[in-house]
Amino acid sequence: MLAACGSGDERMSARDTTTTSAGGGAAAGTGGGALTLVRVFALEQAAGVPLRLPLAFADAGGAPTDQVPDTIRVTAVSPSGAESAPLEVARRGEGIPVPYFPYEATLDEPGGWELRIAAGDAETTTDLTVRPRQELAVVPGPGEALPSVPTPTTDDQLGVEPLCTATPACPFHDVSLEQALAAGQPVVLLVATPAFCQTAVCGPVLELLVERQAALAGRATVVHAEVYTDDRATDTTSTVDALGLRYEPSLFVAAADGTVRGRLDYTFDATELDEELGALALS
């Protein structure tokens, strides 16, 4: 449920991207009844870089729910006990089945952090581990270069079968990432696997891109890359390896020179997608 998808490959497994109920504190309450906090991000995060850490809720039976408040308040507690000022985070969820709250912060101190979440008068917590950036695979972020690597296309599947697990297949497999970057046009890359997600996220976020295909024509080349090489979902593709991904879905918006202007991980909705695509106007 709302886990970053993946099975089989250690880097893509739930051990890296757990979404367990938060321990400690009371379950949040709304008019729809008690809620359980769900962590939608990887347990291990890099120190000293801007982080986007989505949080969501399940109902008392453990099912994803949209019966959530409009905002929550998040306080980060460092390994040394220092507390950040509470940050109000607005609900997102346009165009996807389950809403979420994208908490953003830069956590400088390595070690175990605690996030304290308040929804109305109820509070709960969840934990994460912050590690020095050099200890984690580096996923290209804003200001860094998107690697120029071949991705499977209709003309050359590079041994990946199926090419696209969406039904019907999406229209973003005519050009590889390498070709798109060489063309000198802005690029939008989505790494997602609709058929093998452990969540209801990958398919809907891909559909959000399909809905924007006409608007993006002439402005950017859109590329979709699957995560696994076959329908056993055991081996990850070279695209995943080149990007250093331990989770998905992941969306990259790059300028014409290949520099990443924006990135969205784990889950995103139509409003966040449109905000990131707005970076194309700066390319």
Protein backbone atom coordinates (compact mmCIF):
# COMPACT_ATOMS: atom_id res chain seq x y z
CA MET A 1 0.00 0.00 0.00
CA LEU A 2 1.53 3.23 -1.17
CA ALA A 3 4.97 1.65 -1.10
CA ALA A 4 7.53 2.63 -3.66
CA CYS A 5 7.02 -0.30 -5.97
CA GLY A 6 9.24 -3.27 -6.44
CA SER A 7 9.94 -6.87 -5.58
CA GLY A 8 12.81 -9.24 -6.14
CA ASP A 9 15.64 -6.73 -6.61
CA GLU A 10 17.10 -5.80 -3.25
CA ARG A 11 17.41 -2.11 -4.08
CA MET A 12 13.78 -1.91 -5.15
CA SER A 13 12.32 -3.98 -2.34
CA ALA A 14 10.17 -2.94 0.58
CA ARG A 15 13.26 -3.19 2.77
CA ASP A 16 14.39 0.01 1.11
CA THR A 17 11.00 1.61 0.68
CA THR A 18 8.92 0.51 3.61
CA THR A 19 5.52 2.01 4.30
CA THR A 20 4.66 0.71 7.71
CA SER A 21 2.29 2.23 10.18
CA ALA A 22 4.10 4.80 12.23
CA GLY A 23 4.98 3.69 15.71
CA GLY A 24 4.23 5.74 18.80
CA GLY A 25 1.54 8.33 19.34
CA ALA A 26 -2.14 8.13 18.66
CA ALA A 27 -3.70 7.48 15.32
CA ALA A 28 -4.97 10.64 13.70
CA GLY A 29 -8.70 11.17 13.77
CA THR A 30 -11.06 12.77 11.25
CA GLY A 31 -14.75 12.69 10.63
CA GLY A 32 -14.21 9.38 8.82
CA GLY A 33 -12.73 7.70 11.92
CA ALA A 34 -9.24 6.83 13.10
CA LEU A 35 -6.37 6.93 10.61
CA THR A 36 -2.99 5.25 10.55
CA LEU A 37 0.02 7.15 9.28
CA VAL A 38 1.81 5.62 6.29
CA ARG A 39 5.38 6.49 5.28
CA VAL A 40 5.58 6.68 1.47
CA PHE A 41 9.32 7.24 1.23
CA ALA A 42 12.48 5.17 1.63
CA LEU A 43 13.66 4.56 5.17
CA GLU A 44 17.19 5.76 4.36
CA GLN A 45 17.71 9.31 3.11
CA ALA A 46 20.77 11.40 2.27
CA ALA A 47 22.08 14.10 4.57
CA GLY A 48 22.43 17.71 3.49
CA VAL A 49 20.26 17.62 0.37
CA PRO A 50 16.67 18.84 -0.15
CA LEU A 51 14.28 15.96 0.55
CA ARG A 52 10.65 15.43 -0.41
CA LEU A 53 9.10 12.90 1.97
CA PRO A 54 5.45 12.03 1.18
CA LEU A 55 3.17 10.91 3.99
CA ALA A 56 -0.27 9.34 3.62
CA PHE A 57 -2.94 7.69 5.74
CA ALA A 58 -4.79 4.39 5.90
CA ASP A 59 -8.12 3.76 7.57
CA ALA A 60 -8.61 1.62 10.65
CA GLY A 61 -8.72 -1.50 8.46
CA GLY A 62 -5.40 -0.69 6.78
CA ALA A 63 -6.83 0.39 3.43
CA PRO A 64 -5.65 3.60 1.71
CA THR A 65 -8.13 6.39 2.31
CA ASP A 66 -8.96 9.81 0.94
CA GLN A 67 -10.77 10.76 4.15
CA VAL A 68 -7.89 12.90 5.40
CA PRO A 69 -7.51 16.49 6.64
CA ASP A 70 -6.62 19.37 4.34
CA THR A 71 -3.32 19.93 6.15
CA ILE A 72 -1.03 18.25 8.64
CA ARG A 73 1.82 19.67 10.76
CA VAL A 74 5.23 18.01 10.71
CA THR A 75 8.07 18.54 13.17
CA ALA A 76 11.48 16.94 12.55
CA VAL A 77 13.52 15.81 15.55
CA SER A 78 17.25 15.31 14.95
CA PRO A 79 19.44 12.53 16.41
CA SER A 80 20.70 15.06 18.97
CA GLY A 81 17.14 16.00 19.97
CA ALA A 82 16.86 19.37 18.24
CA GLU A 83 13.36 20.11 16.96
CA SER A 84 12.50 22.01 13.81
CA ALA A 85 9.71 24.55 13.72
CA PRO A 86 6.42 22.79 12.85
CA LEU A 87 5.70 22.93 9.13
CA GLU A 88 2.16 22.88 7.77
CA VAL A 89 1.88 20.58 4.75
CA ALA A 90 -1.11 20.72 2.42
CA ARG A 91 -2.89 17.68 1.06
CA ARG A 92 -2.21 16.70 -2.56
CA GLY A 93 -4.14 14.15 -4.58
CA GLU A 94 -5.55 15.52 -7.83
CA GLY A 95 -5.83 12.79 -10.46
CA ILE A 96 -4.58 9.89 -8.31
CA PRO A 97 -6.49 7.47 -6.07
CA VAL A 98 -4.93 8.25 -2.69
CA PRO A 99 -3.99 11.71 -1.38
CA TYR A 100 -0.68 12.41 0.33
CA PHE A 101 1.24 15.18 2.09
CA PRO A 102 4.69 16.00 0.59
CA TYR A 103 6.85 17.11 3.51
CA GLU A 104 10.02 18.90 2.34
CA ALA A 105 13.14 19.45 4.42
CA THR A 106 16.92 19.27 4.43
CA LEU A 107 18.21 17.05 7.23
CA ASP A 108 21.89 17.72 7.84
CA GLU A 109 22.73 15.51 10.80
CA PRO A 110 23.37 11.80 10.05
CA GLY A 111 21.60 9.31 12.30
CA GLY A 112 18.08 8.45 13.34
CA TRP A 113 15.44 11.17 12.85
CA GLU A 114 11.86 11.25 14.06
CA LEU A 115 9.00 13.00 12.29
CA ARG A 116 6.14 14.07 14.54
CA ILE A 117 2.91 14.45 12.62
CA ALA A 118 -0.15 16.27 13.94
CA ALA A 119 -3.51 15.95 12.20
CA GLY A 120 -5.99 18.08 14.08
CA ASP A 121 -5.58 17.29 17.78
CA ALA A 122 -4.12 13.83 17.21
CA GLU A 123 -0.41 13.11 16.88
CA THR A 124 1.76 10.22 15.72
CA THR A 125 5.37 9.66 14.67
CA THR A 126 7.50 7.91 12.09
CA ASP A 127 11.24 7.37 11.84
CA LEU A 128 13.91 7.53 9.16
CA THR A 129 17.68 7.12 8.97
CA VAL A 130 19.81 9.90 7.50
CA ARG A 131 23.15 8.82 6.07
CA PRO A 132 26.05 10.72 4.50
CA ARG A 133 25.27 11.21 0.84
CA GLN A 134 28.34 9.30 -0.33
CA GLU A 135 26.99 6.16 1.35
CA LEU A 136 23.86 6.09 -0.83
CA ALA A 137 23.40 5.71 -4.56
CA VAL A 138 23.25 9.21 -5.98
CA VAL A 139 20.08 9.89 -7.96
CA PRO A 140 20.49 12.96 -10.22
CA GLY A 141 18.75 15.96 -8.73
CA PRO A 142 18.22 19.60 -9.73
CA GLY A 143 21.37 21.11 -11.17
CA GLU A 144 22.92 17.73 -11.99
CA ALA A 145 23.15 15.95 -15.35
CA LEU A 146 20.67 13.30 -16.38
CA PRO A 147 22.81 10.36 -17.59
CA SER A 148 22.69 9.77 -21.33
CA VAL A 149 21.84 6.07 -21.50
CA PRO A 150 19.80 4.04 -23.97
CA THR A 151 16.32 3.07 -22.84
CA PRO A 152 14.19 0.42 -24.57
CA THR A 153 12.17 1.58 -27.59
CA THR A 154 9.76 -0.01 -30.02
CA ASP A 155 12.66 -0.40 -32.48
CA ASP A 156 15.13 -1.79 -29.94
CA GLN A 157 13.74 -3.25 -26.73
CA LEU A 158 17.23 -3.98 -25.39
CA GLY A 159 15.99 -7.32 -24.10
CA VAL A 160 13.18 -5.77 -22.04
CA GLU A 161 9.87 -7.62 -22.43
CA PRO A 162 7.27 -6.31 -22.02
CA LEU A 163 8.38 -2.90 -23.25
CA CYS A 164 5.51 -1.19 -21.41
CA THR A 165 3.33 -2.75 -18.74
CA ALA A 166 0.59 -0.13 -19.02
CA THR A 167 -2.68 -1.28 -20.61
CA PRO A 168 -2.85 -0.08 -23.30
CA ALA A 169 0.86 0.57 -23.76
CA CYS A 170 1.80 4.24 -23.39
CA PRO A 171 3.06 6.33 -26.34
CA PHE A 172 6.44 7.20 -24.81
CA HIS A 173 8.71 4.47 -26.21
CA ASP A 174 9.53 5.79 -29.69
CA VAL A 175 12.73 7.54 -28.60
CA SER A 176 15.33 6.41 -26.06
CA LEU A 177 16.63 8.67 -23.32
CA GLU A 178 20.01 8.79 -25.05
CA GLN A 179 18.41 9.91 -28.33
CA ALA A 180 16.20 12.45 -26.59
CA LEU A 181 19.13 14.10 -24.82
CA ALA A 182 21.20 14.15 -28.03
CA ALA A 183 18.39 16.00 -29.82
CA GLY A 184 18.95 19.05 -27.63
CA GLN A 185 15.33 19.37 -26.49
CA PRO A 186 13.99 19.32 -22.93
CA VAL A 187 13.27 15.80 -21.67
CA VAL A 188 10.69 14.36 -19.29
CA LEU A 189 11.63 10.89 -18.05
CA LEU A 190 9.32 8.70 -15.99
CA VAL A 191 10.58 5.45 -14.48
CA ALA A 192 7.55 3.42 -13.41
CA THR A 193 6.08 -0.06 -13.74
CA PRO A 194 2.27 -0.03 -13.77
CA ALA A 195 1.85 -3.83 -13.81
CA PHE A 196 4.24 -4.61 -11.00
CA CYS A 197 3.62 -1.76 -8.58
CA GLN A 198 2.70 -2.83 -5.07
CA THR A 199 0.56 0.32 -5.10
CA ALA A 200 -1.98 2.15 -7.21
CA VAL A 201 0.50 4.92 -8.03
CA CYS A 202 2.60 3.97 -11.09
CA GLY A 203 -0.29 3.55 -13.52
CA PRO A 204 -2.10 6.76 -12.54
CA VAL A 205 1.02 8.94 -12.68
CA LEU A 206 1.85 7.55 -16.12
CA GLU A 207 -1.69 8.34 -17.20
CA LEU A 208 -1.22 11.93 -15.99
CA LEU A 209 1.67 12.21 -18.46
CA VAL A 210 -0.37 10.66 -21.26
CA GLU A 211 -3.07 13.26 -20.65
CA ARG A 212 -0.44 15.98 -21.14
CA GLN A 213 1.07 14.50 -24.31
CA ALA A 214 -0.49 17.02 -26.65
CA ALA A 215 0.48 19.97 -24.44
CA LEU A 216 4.08 18.74 -24.27
CA ALA A 217 4.43 18.14 -28.02
CA GLY A 218 7.13 20.44 -29.38
CA ARG A 219 8.17 21.47 -25.87
CA ALA A 220 9.77 18.29 -24.58
CA THR A 221 10.43 14.66 -25.43
CA VAL A 222 8.70 12.31 -23.00
CA VAL A 223 10.29 8.93 -22.26
CA HIS A 224 8.82 6.15 -20.14
CA ALA A 225 11.16 3.43 -18.88
CA GLU A 226 10.07 0.25 -17.14
CA VAL A 227 11.82 -0.98 -14.01
CA TYR A 228 12.13 -4.70 -14.75
CA THR A 229 13.53 -6.61 -17.71
CA ASP A 230 10.73 -9.21 -17.88
CA ASP A 231 7.36 -10.22 -16.50
CA ARG A 232 8.95 -12.06 -13.57
CA ALA A 233 9.91 -8.68 -12.08
CA THR A 234 13.21 -10.00 -10.77
CA ASP A 235 15.94 -8.08 -12.61
CA THR A 236 16.05 -4.31 -12.93
CA THR A 237 16.89 -2.57 -16.18
CA SER A 238 20.09 -0.71 -16.98
CA THR A 239 18.06 2.51 -16.76
CA VAL A 240 17.38 1.89 -13.07
CA ASP A 241 21.04 1.11 -12.48
CA ALA A 242 22.27 4.22 -14.32
CA LEU A 243 19.98 6.48 -12.31
CA GLY A 244 20.86 4.91 -8.96
CA LEU A 245 17.19 4.32 -8.17
CA ARG A 246 16.09 2.27 -5.16
CA TYR A 247 12.41 3.05 -5.61
CA GLU A 248 9.83 4.13 -8.12
CA PRO A 249 7.97 5.88 -9.63
CA SER A 250 10.46 8.65 -10.27
CA LEU A 251 9.99 11.57 -12.64
CA PHE A 252 12.83 13.73 -14.03
CA VAL A 253 12.35 17.03 -15.86
CA ALA A 254 15.54 18.06 -17.69
CA ALA A 255 16.49 21.15 -19.69
CA ALA A 256 17.74 20.98 -23.28
CA ASP A 257 21.33 20.61 -22.04
CA GLY A 258 20.39 17.56 -19.95
CA THR A 259 20.46 19.36 -16.60
CA VAL A 260 17.77 18.17 -14.20
CA ARG A 261 15.39 21.00 -13.36
CA GLY A 262 12.96 19.02 -11.25
CA ARG A 263 12.34 15.56 -9.81
CA LEU A 264 9.37 13.86 -8.16
CA ASP A 265 9.74 10.55 -6.30
CA TYR A 266 7.43 7.96 -4.70
CA THR A 267 4.10 9.56 -5.61
CA PHE A 268 2.83 12.78 -7.15
CA ASP A 269 -0.42 14.25 -8.36
CA ALA A 270 -1.51 16.45 -11.26
CA THR A 271 -0.73 19.69 -9.45
CA GLU A 272 2.83 18.72 -8.50
CA LEU A 273 3.41 17.35 -12.00
CA ASP A 274 2.28 20.60 -13.60
CA GLU A 275 4.50 22.59 -11.25
CA GLU A 276 7.54 20.55 -12.30
CA LEU A 277 6.64 20.72 -15.99
CA GLY A 278 6.56 24.48 -15.57
CA ALA A 279 10.36 24.26 -15.36
CA LEU A 280 10.33 23.56 -19.11
CA ALA A 281 9.53 27.23 -19.68
CA LEU A 282 12.95 28.02 -18.25
CA SER A 283 14.80 25.65 -20.58
